[in-house]
Structure formats: structure tokens, C-alpha cells
Amino acid sequence: VQLVESGGALVQAGGSLRLSCAASGFSFRTYTMSWYRQGPGKERELVATIAAVVPGQIRYGNSVRGRFTISRDNARNMLFLQMNSLKPEEEADYYCSVRIPPARFWGQGTQVTVHA
């Protein structure tokens, strides 16, 4: 299993970014995919989850609902996270993740920096 995130950058508060995750080594279209984030001194938290089949069930963390959009392209084994109206407190490393029982797999993360 390999998950490679990209798209992290430095943005001003209120700005937008689109993160991408390239997945390989497993049947991508079969599994629910998720984005997590971990800010400095904070615990890792769930940002958004999307079911295997599109359109399918999508869930967001309370703090991002209405501003972030998770999507996937099963033909290209790609996961995306569109982030709008970014806030300084959302500065974090963002991780792509998949749970293939009994393990959960993680990418290396992509850094998002938000300047006030």
C-alpha cells in the first residue's frame, strides 16, 4: 500500500488549496478513503471520509463542513480535498489514509501553512 499526498503550501487566511493523494498497491475503488490532519501540539483528527462507491456516503468533521470537499477518482486511484476559507488554526500536516483490516495505512503527509 502506498499513499502519496501533494498540494500542501503556504496560503493566507481565507485562501484555498486542493490536496491530492495518489494511491497504489491495493484495490482503491473497493475502500473508503479518508483525510486526517495533525497540527502542532495537537492530536490527529479526522477531516473527511468518502465511501468506495461514488456517489456515496461522505462525512466531514464539524469544523470543516461547508468549506472542505472530499472527492475521489476511482479510474485514476486519486483522492482529493478541496479546502476553502482556510483558517490559521487549520495549519497542519494533512494525511491520506485507508483502513484495510486489520491495519490502517497512512501517507507521509503534506504540509499546509496558513498565515493570518
Protein backbone atom coordinates (compact mmCIF):
# COMPACT_ATOMS: atom_id res chain seq x y z
CA VAL A 1 0.00 0.00 0.00
CA GLN A 2 1.35 3.39 -0.99
CA LEU A 3 -0.31 6.75 -0.41
CA VAL A 4 1.41 9.90 -1.65
CA GLU A 5 -0.06 13.28 -0.77
CA SER A 6 0.69 16.52 -2.57
CA GLY A 7 -0.63 20.04 -2.83
CA GLY A 8 0.30 21.45 0.55
CA ALA A 9 1.52 25.04 0.51
CA LEU A 10 1.59 28.34 2.33
CA VAL A 11 -1.63 30.32 1.96
CA GLN A 12 -3.19 33.39 3.51
CA ALA A 13 -6.14 33.01 5.82
CA GLY A 14 -9.28 32.82 3.73
CA GLY A 15 -7.45 31.20 0.86
CA SER A 16 -7.95 27.85 -0.84
CA LEU A 17 -5.90 24.76 -1.54
CA ARG A 18 -6.53 21.45 -3.26
CA LEU A 19 -4.76 18.44 -1.85
CA SER A 20 -4.26 15.24 -3.82
CA CYS A 21 -3.41 11.68 -2.81
CA ALA A 22 -2.14 9.10 -5.27
CA ALA A 23 -2.91 5.57 -4.12
CA SER A 24 -1.38 2.30 -5.23
CA GLY A 25 -0.81 -1.24 -4.06
CA PHE A 26 -4.43 -2.04 -3.25
CA SER A 27 -7.85 -2.05 -4.88
CA PHE A 28 -8.55 1.65 -4.45
CA ARG A 29 -12.12 1.52 -5.70
CA THR A 30 -13.01 -1.01 -3.00
CA TYR A 31 -12.18 1.04 0.08
CA THR A 32 -13.41 4.03 1.98
CA MET A 33 -10.77 6.77 1.95
CA SER A 34 -10.11 9.50 4.47
CA TRP A 35 -8.22 12.69 5.08
CA TYR A 36 -6.78 13.41 8.52
CA ARG A 37 -4.74 16.31 9.83
CA GLN A 38 -2.41 16.95 12.73
CA GLY A 39 -1.48 20.44 13.79
CA PRO A 40 1.45 21.44 16.02
CA GLY A 41 0.87 20.09 19.52
CA LYS A 42 -2.49 18.63 18.54
CA GLU A 43 -3.85 15.14 18.14
CA ARG A 44 -4.51 13.76 14.68
CA GLU A 45 -8.14 14.38 13.72
CA LEU A 46 -10.46 13.16 11.01
CA VAL A 47 -11.19 15.79 8.36
CA ALA A 48 -13.35 13.91 5.86
CA THR A 49 -14.26 10.43 4.67
CA ILE A 50 -15.66 9.21 1.37
CA ALA A 51 -17.14 5.80 0.67
CA ALA A 52 -15.77 3.49 -2.02
CA VAL A 53 -18.59 3.91 -4.50
CA VAL A 54 -19.29 7.34 -5.98
CA PRO A 55 -21.72 8.87 -5.31
CA GLY A 56 -21.55 7.50 -1.83
CA GLN A 57 -21.56 8.42 1.79
CA ILE A 58 -19.40 11.40 2.67
CA ARG A 59 -18.72 12.63 6.19
CA TYR A 60 -16.94 15.75 7.38
CA GLY A 61 -15.53 16.89 10.67
CA ASN A 62 -17.73 19.54 12.25
CA SER A 63 -15.13 22.27 11.87
CA VAL A 64 -14.72 21.86 8.09
CA ARG A 65 -18.26 21.11 6.97
CA GLY A 66 -19.35 23.60 4.31
CA ARG A 67 -15.81 24.70 3.48
CA PHE A 68 -13.99 21.49 2.54
CA THR A 69 -14.97 18.99 -0.16
CA ILE A 70 -13.62 15.47 -0.42
CA SER A 71 -13.76 13.64 -3.73
CA ARG A 72 -12.22 10.67 -5.49
CA ASP A 73 -11.43 9.45 -8.99
CA ASN A 74 -11.56 5.67 -8.94
CA ALA A 75 -10.34 5.45 -12.54
CA ARG A 76 -7.09 7.21 -11.59
CA ASN A 77 -6.77 5.94 -8.00
CA MET A 78 -6.79 9.51 -6.73
CA LEU A 79 -8.26 11.15 -3.64
CA PHE A 80 -8.74 14.91 -3.33
CA LEU A 81 -9.53 17.50 -0.69
CA GLN A 82 -10.65 20.97 -1.76
CA MET A 83 -10.18 23.37 1.13
CA ASN A 84 -11.75 26.83 1.05
CA SER A 85 -11.77 29.69 3.55
CA LEU A 86 -8.76 28.29 5.37
CA LYS A 87 -8.17 29.43 8.93
CA PRO A 88 -4.83 29.86 10.73
CA GLU A 89 -5.79 27.15 13.23
CA GLU A 90 -6.06 24.70 10.34
CA GLU A 91 -2.34 24.82 9.75
CA ALA A 92 -1.31 21.17 9.92
CA ASP A 93 0.14 18.17 8.18
CA TYR A 94 -2.64 16.58 6.15
CA TYR A 95 -2.67 12.82 5.65
CA CYS A 96 -4.41 10.49 3.26
CA SER A 97 -5.47 7.23 4.88
CA VAL A 98 -7.13 3.90 4.20
CA ARG A 99 -8.19 1.16 6.56
CA ILE A 100 -7.59 -2.32 5.20
CA PRO A 101 -8.32 -4.59 8.16
CA PRO A 102 -6.62 -5.15 10.44
CA ALA A 103 -4.34 -2.21 9.62
CA ARG A 104 -4.72 1.48 8.83
CA PHE A 105 -2.30 2.88 6.29
CA TRP A 106 -1.03 6.45 6.06
CA GLY A 107 0.77 8.61 3.58
CA GLN A 108 3.76 10.74 4.53
CA GLY A 109 1.62 13.86 4.78
CA THR A 110 1.60 17.23 3.07
CA GLN A 111 2.12 20.45 5.00
CA VAL A 112 -0.44 23.24 4.93
CA THR A 113 0.63 26.57 6.39
CA VAL A 114 -1.97 29.30 6.90
CA HIS A 115 -0.82 32.84 7.62
CA ALA A 116 -3.19 35.22 9.33
